[in-house]
Amino acid sequence: MSKPKSPVVALTTIDPNDLSAASGGRRAASGSSSRRASDDAILSALRDVTSALKDLGQNAANNANNNSSNSMMMMMMTLLGNQQQQPQVVCGGGKRRC
């Protein structure tokens, strides 16, 4: 049985005046060192996730290139291996014919 679709919720817009008054991406310092430590830990975790995703993308691209190269090489080897050698006849000049 299929799941019922969740209702679509429209996003609220931000007043441009309110947006121009905002600055920075962090909350105002509350003076609590535990809050800053928590913020730093979250930022560090986000950096680690970003780095891991970047590395994953690079590995996937490298593997795709290697797989396509390996596939092409195997196809060429298969095609070349299936060719049968035909006997070669070499005729010299003169009266004798092959």
PDB file of N, CA and C in Angstrom:
ATOM      1  N   MET A   1       0.841  -1.165   0.000  1.00  0.00           N
ATOM      2  CA  MET A   1       0.000   0.000   0.000  1.00  0.00           C
ATOM      3  C   MET A   1       0.891   1.233   0.000  1.00  0.00           C
ATOM      4  N   SER A   2       0.565   2.215  -0.790  1.00  0.00           N
ATOM      5  CA  SER A   2       1.401   3.403  -0.903  1.00  0.00           C
ATOM      6  C   SER A   2       1.179   4.340   0.274  1.00  0.00           C
ATOM      7  N   LYS A   3       2.235   5.098   0.568  1.00  0.00           N
ATOM      8  CA  LYS A   3       2.163   6.067   1.655  1.00  0.00           C
ATOM      9  C   LYS A   3       1.354   7.276   1.207  1.00  0.00           C
ATOM     10  N   PRO A   4       0.613   7.885   2.112  1.00  0.00           N
ATOM     11  CA  PRO A   4      -0.098   9.115   1.734  1.00  0.00           C
ATOM     12  C   PRO A   4       0.914  10.237   1.542  1.00  0.00           C
ATOM     13  N   LYS A   5       0.656  11.072   0.576  1.00  0.00           N
ATOM     14  CA  LYS A   5       1.559  12.182   0.291  1.00  0.00           C
ATOM     15  C   LYS A   5       1.436  13.234   1.385  1.00  0.00           C
ATOM     16  N   SER A   6       2.608  13.756   1.782  1.00  0.00           N
ATOM     17  CA  SER A   6       2.575  14.805   2.800  1.00  0.00           C
ATOM     18  C   SER A   6       2.178  16.120   2.131  1.00  0.00           C
ATOM     19  N   PRO A   7       1.491  16.972   2.863  1.00  0.00           N
ATOM     20  CA  PRO A   7       1.048  18.231   2.267  1.00  0.00           C
ATOM     21  C   PRO A   7       2.240  19.132   1.937  1.00  0.00           C
ATOM     22  N   VAL A   8       2.108  19.888   0.879  1.00  0.00           N
ATOM     23  CA  VAL A   8       3.156  20.807   0.457  1.00  0.00           C
ATOM     24  C   VAL A   8       3.036  22.073   1.295  1.00  0.00           C
ATOM     25  N   VAL A   9       4.149  22.458   1.919  1.00  0.00           N
ATOM     26  CA  VAL A   9       4.161  23.651   2.756  1.00  0.00           C
ATOM     27  C   VAL A   9       4.941  24.724   2.013  1.00  0.00           C
ATOM     28  N   ALA A  10       4.296  25.868   1.829  1.00  0.00           N
ATOM     29  CA  ALA A  10       4.959  26.978   1.143  1.00  0.00           C
ATOM     30  C   ALA A  10       5.947  27.646   2.093  1.00  0.00           C
ATOM     31  N   LEU A  11       7.091  28.021   1.570  1.00  0.00           N
ATOM     32  CA  LEU A  11       8.085  28.716   2.370  1.00  0.00           C
ATOM     33  C   LEU A  11       7.674  30.170   2.541  1.00  0.00           C
ATOM     34  N   THR A  12       7.974  30.691   3.696  1.00  0.00           N
ATOM     35  CA  THR A  12       7.665  32.103   3.926  1.00  0.00           C
ATOM     36  C   THR A  12       8.793  32.950   3.370  1.00  0.00           C
ATOM     37  N   THR A  13       8.450  34.112   2.898  1.00  0.00           N
ATOM     38  CA  THR A  13       9.463  35.001   2.341  1.00  0.00           C
ATOM     39  C   THR A  13      10.009  35.910   3.441  1.00  0.00           C
ATOM     40  N   ILE A  14      11.216  36.366   3.227  1.00  0.00           N
ATOM     41  CA  ILE A  14      11.866  37.267   4.185  1.00  0.00           C
ATOM     42  C   ILE A  14      11.783  38.681   3.629  1.00  0.00           C
ATOM     43  N   ASP A  15      11.386  39.574   4.481  1.00  0.00           N
ATOM     44  CA  ASP A  15      11.298  40.980   4.087  1.00  0.00           C
ATOM     45  C   ASP A  15      12.709  41.484   3.766  1.00  0.00           C
ATOM     46  N   PRO A  16      12.927  42.116   2.615  1.00  0.00           N
ATOM     47  CA  PRO A  16      14.262  42.606   2.260  1.00  0.00           C
ATOM     48  C   PRO A  16      14.861  43.544   3.309  1.00  0.00           C
ATOM     49  N   ASN A  17      14.025  44.334   4.003  1.00  0.00           N
ATOM     50  CA  ASN A  17      14.561  45.217   5.048  1.00  0.00           C
ATOM     51  C   ASN A  17      15.129  44.404   6.212  1.00  0.00           C
ATOM     52  N   ASP A  18      14.430  43.341   6.593  1.00  0.00           N
ATOM     53  CA  ASP A  18      14.936  42.472   7.657  1.00  0.00           C
ATOM     54  C   ASP A  18      16.214  41.773   7.219  1.00  0.00           C
ATOM     55  N   LEU A  19      16.252  41.392   5.973  1.00  0.00           N
ATOM     56  CA  LEU A  19      17.423  40.700   5.452  1.00  0.00           C
ATOM     57  C   LEU A  19      18.640  41.608   5.410  1.00  0.00           C
ATOM     58  N   SER A  20      18.437  42.869   5.054  1.00  0.00           N
ATOM     59  CA  SER A  20      19.571  43.796   4.989  1.00  0.00           C
ATOM     60  C   SER A  20      20.107  44.111   6.380  1.00  0.00           C
ATOM     61  N   ALA A  21      19.288  43.975   7.400  1.00  0.00           N
ATOM     62  CA  ALA A  21      19.735  44.246   8.761  1.00  0.00           C
ATOM     63  C   ALA A  21      20.522  43.083   9.343  1.00  0.00           C
ATOM     64  N   ALA A  22      20.368  41.902   8.764  1.00  0.00           N
ATOM     65  CA  ALA A  22      21.075  40.732   9.279  1.00  0.00           C
ATOM     66  C   ALA A  22      22.520  40.757   8.829  1.00  0.00           C
ATOM     67  N   SER A  23      23.399  40.237   9.662  1.00  0.00           N
ATOM     68  CA  SER A  23      24.807  40.154   9.275  1.00  0.00           C
ATOM     69  C   SER A  23      25.414  38.909   9.895  1.00  0.00           C
ATOM     70  N   GLY A  24      26.320  38.308   9.204  1.00  0.00           N
ATOM     71  CA  GLY A  24      27.009  37.130   9.724  1.00  0.00           C
ATOM     72  C   GLY A  24      26.147  35.886   9.668  1.00  0.00           C
ATOM     73  N   GLY A  25      26.734  34.787  10.054  1.00  0.00           N
ATOM     74  CA  GLY A  25      26.017  33.527  10.004  1.00  0.00           C
ATOM     75  C   GLY A  25      25.940  32.832  11.349  1.00  0.00           C
ATOM     76  N   ARG A  26      26.362  33.514  12.409  1.00  0.00           N
ATOM     77  CA  ARG A  26      26.336  32.910  13.737  1.00  0.00           C
ATOM     78  C   ARG A  26      25.479  33.750  14.661  1.00  0.00           C
ATOM     79  N   ARG A  27      25.061  33.130  15.720  1.00  0.00           N
ATOM     80  CA  ARG A  27      24.300  33.856  16.722  1.00  0.00           C
ATOM     81  C   ARG A  27      25.237  34.785  17.485  1.00  0.00           C
ATOM     82  N   ALA A  28      24.682  35.789  18.065  1.00  0.00           N
ATOM     83  CA  ALA A  28      25.488  36.700  18.874  1.00  0.00           C
ATOM     84  C   ALA A  28      26.098  35.929  20.035  1.00  0.00           C
ATOM     85  N   ALA A  29      27.328  36.274  20.361  1.00  0.00           N
ATOM     86  CA  ALA A  29      28.018  35.574  21.449  1.00  0.00           C
ATOM     87  C   ALA A  29      27.270  35.795  22.753  1.00  0.00           C
ATOM     88  N   SER A  30      27.013  34.699  23.438  1.00  0.00           N
ATOM     89  CA  SER A  30      26.285  34.796  24.693  1.00  0.00           C
ATOM     90  C   SER A  30      27.233  34.852  25.878  1.00  0.00           C
ATOM     91  N   GLY A  31      28.523  34.785  25.612  1.00  0.00           N
ATOM     92  CA  GLY A  31      29.489  34.812  26.695  1.00  0.00           C
ATOM     93  C   GLY A  31      29.770  33.426  27.253  1.00  0.00           C
ATOM     94  N   SER A  32      29.059  32.449  26.799  1.00  0.00           N
ATOM     95  CA  SER A  32      29.238  31.092  27.297  1.00  0.00           C
ATOM     96  C   SER A  32      30.276  30.372  26.447  1.00  0.00           C
ATOM     97  N   SER A  33      31.321  29.883  27.084  1.00  0.00           N
ATOM     98  CA  SER A  33      32.361  29.180  26.329  1.00  0.00           C
ATOM     99  C   SER A  33      31.857  27.829  25.831  1.00  0.00           C
ATOM    100  N   SER A  34      30.896  27.229  26.539  1.00  0.00           N
ATOM    101  CA  SER A  34      30.367  25.939  26.080  1.00  0.00           C
ATOM    102  C   SER A  34      29.599  26.109  24.774  1.00  0.00           C
ATOM    103  N   ARG A  35      28.932  27.254  24.626  1.00  0.00           N
ATOM    104  CA  ARG A  35      28.199  27.526  23.381  1.00  0.00           C
ATOM    105  C   ARG A  35      29.180  27.674  22.221  1.00  0.00           C
ATOM    106  N   ARG A  36      30.263  28.392  22.435  1.00  0.00           N
ATOM    107  CA  ARG A  36      31.278  28.567  21.388  1.00  0.00           C
ATOM    108  C   ARG A  36      31.930  27.234  21.048  1.00  0.00           C
ATOM    109  N   ALA A  37      32.191  26.431  22.064  1.00  0.00           N
ATOM    110  CA  ALA A  37      32.785  25.113  21.830  1.00  0.00           C
ATOM    111  C   ALA A  37      31.829  24.246  21.027  1.00  0.00           C
ATOM    112  N   SER A  38      30.545  24.349  21.336  1.00  0.00           N
ATOM    113  CA  SER A  38      29.545  23.592  20.588  1.00  0.00           C
ATOM    114  C   SER A  38      29.501  24.050  19.134  1.00  0.00           C
ATOM    115  N   ASP A  39      29.537  25.377  18.919  1.00  0.00           N
ATOM    116  CA  ASP A  39      29.545  25.912  17.557  1.00  0.00           C
ATOM    117  C   ASP A  39      30.784  25.458  16.798  1.00  0.00           C
ATOM    118  N   ASP A  40      31.930  25.485  17.473  1.00  0.00           N
ATOM    119  CA  ASP A  40      33.175  25.051  16.826  1.00  0.00           C
ATOM    120  C   ASP A  40      33.125  23.560  16.483  1.00  0.00           C
ATOM    121  N   ALA A  41      32.536  22.777  17.363  1.00  0.00           N
ATOM    122  CA  ALA A  41      32.425  21.337  17.099  1.00  0.00           C
ATOM    123  C   ALA A  41      31.524  21.076  15.899  1.00  0.00           C
ATOM    124  N   ILE A  42      30.438  21.819  15.809  1.00  0.00           N
ATOM    125  CA  ILE A  42      29.523  21.649  14.672  1.00  0.00           C
ATOM    126  C   ILE A  42      30.208  22.067  13.376  1.00  0.00           C
ATOM    127  N   LEU A  43      30.925  23.185  13.409  1.00  0.00           N
ATOM    128  CA  LEU A  43      31.639  23.641  12.207  1.00  0.00           C
ATOM    129  C   LEU A  43      32.710  22.635  11.801  1.00  0.00           C
ATOM    130  N   SER A  44      33.404  22.071  12.766  1.00  0.00           N
ATOM    131  CA  SER A  44      34.428  21.073  12.467  1.00  0.00           C
ATOM    132  C   SER A  44      33.802  19.829  11.834  1.00  0.00           C
ATOM    133  N   ALA A  45      32.674  19.400  12.386  1.00  0.00           N
ATOM    134  CA  ALA A  45      31.987  18.231  11.824  1.00  0.00           C
ATOM    135  C   ALA A  45      31.511  18.508  10.407  1.00  0.00           C
ATOM    136  N   LEU A  46      31.010  19.705  10.157  1.00  0.00           N
ATOM    137  CA  LEU A  46      30.569  20.060   8.797  1.00  0.00           C
ATOM    138  C   LEU A  46      31.738  20.083   7.829  1.00  0.00           C
ATOM    139  N   ARG A  47      32.883  20.577   8.281  1.00  0.00           N
ATOM    140  CA  ARG A  47      34.074  20.572   7.421  1.00  0.00           C
ATOM    141  C   ARG A  47      34.487  19.139   7.087  1.00  0.00           C
ATOM    142  N   ASP A  48      34.435  18.262   8.106  1.00  0.00           N
ATOM    143  CA  ASP A  48      34.794  16.862   7.879  1.00  0.00           C
ATOM    144  C   ASP A  48      33.854  16.195   6.884  1.00  0.00           C
ATOM    145  N   VAL A  49      32.562  16.472   7.008  1.00  0.00           N
ATOM    146  CA  VAL A  49      31.581  15.897   6.085  1.00  0.00           C
ATOM    147  C   VAL A  49      31.825  16.418   4.676  1.00  0.00           C
ATOM    148  N   THR A  50      32.082  17.722   4.560  1.00  0.00           N
ATOM    149  CA  THR A  50      32.357  18.320   3.245  1.00  0.00           C
ATOM    150  C   THR A  50      33.590  17.686   2.614  1.00  0.00           C
ATOM    151  N   SER A  51      34.631  17.516   3.402  1.00  0.00           N
ATOM    152  CA  SER A  51      35.865  16.901   2.899  1.00  0.00           C
ATOM    153  C   SER A  51      35.624  15.457   2.465  1.00  0.00           C
ATOM    154  N   ALA A  52      34.852  14.721   3.258  1.00  0.00           N
ATOM    155  CA  ALA A  52      34.564  13.326   2.920  1.00  0.00           C
ATOM    156  C   ALA A  52      33.764  13.231   1.628  1.00  0.00           C
ATOM    157  N   LEU A  53      32.805  14.117   1.455  1.00  0.00           N
ATOM    158  CA  LEU A  53      32.010  14.111   0.222  1.00  0.00           C
ATOM    159  C   LEU A  53      32.872  14.466  -0.987  1.00  0.00           C
ATOM    160  N   LYS A  54      33.775  15.413  -0.798  1.00  0.00           N
ATOM    161  CA  LYS A  54      34.674  15.794  -1.888  1.00  0.00           C
ATOM    162  C   LYS A  54      35.556  14.613  -2.286  1.00  0.00           C
ATOM    163  N   ASP A  55      36.128  13.934  -1.277  1.00  0.00           N
ATOM    164  CA  ASP A  55      36.971  12.771  -1.552  1.00  0.00           C
ATOM    165  C   ASP A  55      36.176  11.653  -2.217  1.00  0.00           C
ATOM    166  N   LEU A  56      34.962  11.464  -1.763  1.00  0.00           N
ATOM    167  CA  LEU A  56      34.105  10.436  -2.348  1.00  0.00           C
ATOM    168  C   LEU A  56      33.822  10.731  -3.819  1.00  0.00           C
ATOM    169  N   GLY A  57      33.565  11.997  -4.137  1.00  0.00           N
ATOM    170  CA  GLY A  57      33.330  12.386  -5.527  1.00  0.00           C
ATOM    171  C   GLY A  57      34.551  12.166  -6.396  1.00  0.00           C
ATOM    172  N   GLN A  58      35.733  12.489  -5.863  1.00  0.00           N
ATOM    173  CA  GLN A  58      36.962  12.284  -6.629  1.00  0.00           C
ATOM    174  C   GLN A  58      37.230  10.801  -6.842  1.00  0.00           C
ATOM    175  N   ASN A  59      37.003   9.986  -5.805  1.00  0.00           N
ATOM    176  CA  ASN A  59      37.212   8.540  -5.937  1.00  0.00           C
ATOM    177  C   ASN A  59      36.245   7.943  -6.951  1.00  0.00           C
ATOM    178  N   ALA A  60      35.011   8.407  -6.929  1.00  0.00           N
ATOM    179  CA  ALA A  60      34.019   7.891  -7.879  1.00  0.00           C
ATOM    180  C   ALA A  60      34.417   8.241  -9.303  1.00  0.00           C
ATOM    181  N   ALA A  61      34.909   9.467  -9.511  1.00  0.00           N
ATOM    182  CA  ALA A  61      35.333   9.878 -10.854  1.00  0.00           C
ATOM    183  C   ALA A  61      36.532   9.050 -11.312  1.00  0.00           C
ATOM    184  N   ASN A  62      37.492   8.833 -10.421  1.00  0.00           N
ATOM    185  CA  ASN A  62      38.669   8.034 -10.777  1.00  0.00           C
ATOM    186  C   ASN A  62      38.283   6.593 -11.076  1.00  0.00           C
ATOM    187  N   ASN A  63      37.386   6.027 -10.270  1.00  0.00           N
ATOM    188  CA  ASN A  63      36.953   4.655 -10.510  1.00  0.00           C
ATOM    189  C   ASN A  63      36.191   4.529 -11.818  1.00  0.00           C
ATOM    190  N   ALA A  64      35.393   5.542 -12.142  1.00  0.00           N
ATOM    191  CA  ALA A  64      34.646   5.508 -13.406  1.00  0.00           C
ATOM    192  C   ALA A  64      35.615   5.521 -14.579  1.00  0.00           C
ATOM    193  N   ASN A  65      36.664   6.351 -14.496  1.00  0.00           N
ATOM    194  CA  ASN A  65      37.656   6.396 -15.573  1.00  0.00           C
ATOM    195  C   ASN A  65      38.397   5.067 -15.669  1.00  0.00           C
ATOM    196  N   ASN A  66      38.785   4.504 -14.539  1.00  0.00           N
ATOM    197  CA  ASN A  66      39.500   3.232 -14.551  1.00  0.00           C
ATOM    198  C   ASN A  66      38.623   2.112 -15.080  1.00  0.00           C
ATOM    199  N   ASN A  67      37.362   2.094 -14.663  1.00  0.00           N
ATOM    200  CA  ASN A  67      36.460   1.037 -15.119  1.00  0.00           C
ATOM    201  C   ASN A  67      36.228   1.110 -16.615  1.00  0.00           C
ATOM    202  N   SER A  68      36.066   2.317 -17.153  1.00  0.00           N
ATOM    203  CA  SER A  68      35.842   2.431 -18.588  1.00  0.00           C
ATOM    204  C   SER A  68      37.102   2.051 -19.360  1.00  0.00           C
ATOM    205  N   SER A  69      38.273   2.422 -18.844  1.00  0.00           N
ATOM    206  CA  SER A  69      39.523   2.039 -19.503  1.00  0.00           C
ATOM    207  C   SER A  69      39.712   0.534 -19.461  1.00  0.00           C
ATOM    208  N   ASN A  70      39.437  -0.054 -18.297  1.00  0.00           N
ATOM    209  CA  ASN A  70      39.578  -1.506 -18.179  1.00  0.00           C
ATOM    210  C   ASN A  70      38.585  -2.228 -19.077  1.00  0.00           C
ATOM    211  N   SER A  71      37.379  -1.725 -19.159  1.00  0.00           N
ATOM    212  CA  SER A  71      36.373  -2.346 -20.020  1.00  0.00           C
ATOM    213  C   SER A  71      36.800  -2.279 -21.480  1.00  0.00           C
ATOM    214  N   MET A  72      37.330  -1.137 -21.889  1.00  0.00           N
ATOM    215  CA  MET A  72      37.779  -0.974 -23.275  1.00  0.00           C
ATOM    216  C   MET A  72      38.934  -1.935 -23.566  1.00  0.00           C
ATOM    217  N   MET A  73      39.863  -2.053 -22.626  1.00  0.00           N
ATOM    218  CA  MET A  73      40.998  -2.946 -22.825  1.00  0.00           C
ATOM    219  C   MET A  73      40.528  -4.394 -22.931  1.00  0.00           C
ATOM    220  N   MET A  74      39.606  -4.806 -22.084  1.00  0.00           N
ATOM    221  CA  MET A  74      39.100  -6.175 -22.146  1.00  0.00           C
ATOM    222  C   MET A  74      38.360  -6.441 -23.449  1.00  0.00           C
ATOM    223  N   MET A  75      37.611  -5.462 -23.927  1.00  0.00           N
ATOM    224  CA  MET A  75      36.899  -5.632 -25.183  1.00  0.00           C
ATOM    225  C   MET A  75      37.891  -5.782 -26.339  1.00  0.00           C
ATOM    226  N   MET A  76      38.943  -4.975 -26.335  1.00  0.00           N
ATOM    227  CA  MET A  76      39.946  -5.070 -27.397  1.00  0.00           C
ATOM    228  C   MET A  76      40.652  -6.423 -27.352  1.00  0.00           C
ATOM    229  N   MET A  77      40.988  -6.879 -26.151  1.00  0.00           N
ATOM    230  CA  MET A  77      41.659  -8.175 -26.026  1.00  0.00           C
ATOM    231  C   MET A  77      40.751  -9.304 -26.513  1.00  0.00           C
ATOM    232  N   THR A  78      39.484  -9.209 -26.200  1.00  0.00           N
ATOM    233  CA  THR A  78      38.527 -10.231 -26.624  1.00  0.00           C
ATOM    234  C   THR A  78      38.410 -10.254 -28.132  1.00  0.00           C
ATOM    235  N   LEU A  79      38.290  -9.083 -28.718  1.00  0.00           N
ATOM    236  CA  LEU A  79      38.154  -9.014 -30.171  1.00  0.00           C
ATOM    237  C   LEU A  79      39.417  -9.495 -30.871  1.00  0.00           C
ATOM    238  N   LEU A  80      40.563  -9.109 -30.347  1.00  0.00           N
ATOM    239  CA  LEU A  80      41.820  -9.552 -30.963  1.00  0.00           C
ATOM    240  C   LEU A  80      42.049 -11.043 -30.748  1.00  0.00           C
ATOM    241  N   GLY A  81      41.625 -11.550 -29.615  1.00  0.00           N
ATOM    242  CA  GLY A  81      41.805 -12.976 -29.328  1.00  0.00           C
ATOM    243  C   GLY A  81      40.907 -13.855 -30.166  1.00  0.00           C
ATOM    244  N   ASN A  82      39.795 -13.337 -30.620  1.00  0.00           N
ATOM    245  CA  ASN A  82      38.860 -14.129 -31.415  1.00  0.00           C
ATOM    246  C   ASN A  82      39.252 -14.216 -32.880  1.00  0.00           C
ATOM    247  N   GLN A  83      40.187 -13.410 -33.316  1.00  0.00           N
ATOM    248  CA  GLN A  83      40.600 -13.459 -34.713  1.00  0.00           C
ATOM    249  C   GLN A  83      41.448 -14.719 -34.931  1.00  0.00           C
ATOM    250  N   GLN A  84      41.097 -15.462 -35.971  1.00  0.00           N
ATOM    251  CA  GLN A  84      41.855 -16.664 -36.289  1.00  0.00           C
ATOM    252  C   GLN A  84      42.925 -16.303 -37.307  1.00  0.00           C
ATOM    253  N   GLN A  85      44.061 -16.910 -37.131  1.00  0.00           N
ATOM    254  CA  GLN A  85      45.158 -16.669 -38.055  1.00  0.00           C
ATOM    255  C   GLN A  85      44.908 -17.451 -39.341  1.00  0.00           C
ATOM    256  N   GLN A  86      44.876 -16.755 -40.441  1.00  0.00           N
ATOM    257  CA  GLN A  86      44.735 -17.394 -41.746  1.00  0.00           C
ATOM    258  C   GLN A  86      46.134 -17.739 -42.248  1.00  0.00           C
ATOM    259  N   PRO A  87      46.262 -18.835 -42.955  1.00  0.00           N
ATOM    260  CA  PRO A  87      47.584 -19.166 -43.477  1.00  0.00           C
ATOM    261  C   PRO A  87      48.050 -18.092 -44.457  1.00  0.00           C
ATOM    262  N   GLN A  88      49.303 -17.793 -44.375  1.00  0.00           N
ATOM    263  CA  GLN A  88      49.867 -16.785 -45.267  1.00  0.00           C
ATOM    264  C   GLN A  88      50.687 -17.477 -46.345  1.00  0.00           C
ATOM    265  N   VAL A  89      50.472 -17.065 -47.558  1.00  0.00           N
ATOM    266  CA  VAL A  89      51.202 -17.626 -48.685  1.00  0.00           C
ATOM    267  C   VAL A  89      52.015 -16.506 -49.303  1.00  0.00           C
ATOM    268  N   VAL A  90      53.305 -16.745 -49.439  1.00  0.00           N
ATOM    269  CA  VAL A  90      54.167 -15.733 -50.023  1.00  0.00           C
ATOM    270  C   VAL A  90      54.702 -16.311 -51.336  1.00  0.00           C
ATOM    271  N   CYS A  91      54.492 -15.569 -52.402  1.00  0.00           N
ATOM    272  CA  CYS A  91      54.949 -16.024 -53.708  1.00  0.00           C
ATOM    273  C   CYS A  91      56.112 -15.171 -54.147  1.00  0.00           C
ATOM    274  N   GLY A  92      57.086 -15.820 -54.712  1.00  0.00           N
ATOM    275  CA  GLY A  92      58.216 -15.103 -55.234  1.00  0.00           C
ATOM    276  C   GLY A  92      58.011 -14.796 -56.720  1.00  0.00           C
ATOM    277  N   GLY A  93      58.826 -13.974 -57.250  1.00  0.00           N
ATOM    278  CA  GLY A  93      58.742 -13.662 -58.680  1.00  0.00           C
ATOM    279  C   GLY A  93      59.267 -14.832 -59.514  1.00  0.00           C
ATOM    280  N   GLY A  94      59.118 -14.740 -60.757  1.00  0.00           N
ATOM    281  CA  GLY A  94      59.613 -15.768 -61.662  1.00  0.00           C
ATOM    282  C   GLY A  94      58.484 -16.572 -62.278  1.00  0.00           C
ATOM    283  N   LYS A  95      58.854 -17.771 -62.792  1.00  0.00           N
ATOM    284  CA  LYS A  95      57.906 -18.584 -63.514  1.00  0.00           C
ATOM    285  C   LYS A  95      56.984 -19.376 -62.592  1.00  0.00           C
ATOM    286  N   ARG A  96      57.412 -19.608 -61.417  1.00  0.00           N
ATOM    287  CA  ARG A  96      56.614 -20.382 -60.491  1.00  0.00           C
ATOM    288  C   ARG A  96      55.461 -19.548 -59.969  1.00  0.00           C
ATOM    289  N   ARG A  97      54.285 -20.120 -60.008  1.00  0.00           N
ATOM    290  CA  ARG A  97      53.105 -19.422 -59.503  1.00  0.00           C
ATOM    291  C   ARG A  97      52.593 -20.123 -58.266  1.00  0.00           C
ATOM    292  N   CYS A  98      51.966 -19.396 -57.433  1.00  0.00           N
ATOM    293  CA  CYS A  98      51.424 -19.969 -56.204  1.00  0.00           C
ATOM    294  C   CYS A  98      50.072 -20.563 -56.459  1.00  0.00           C
TER     295      CYS A  98
END
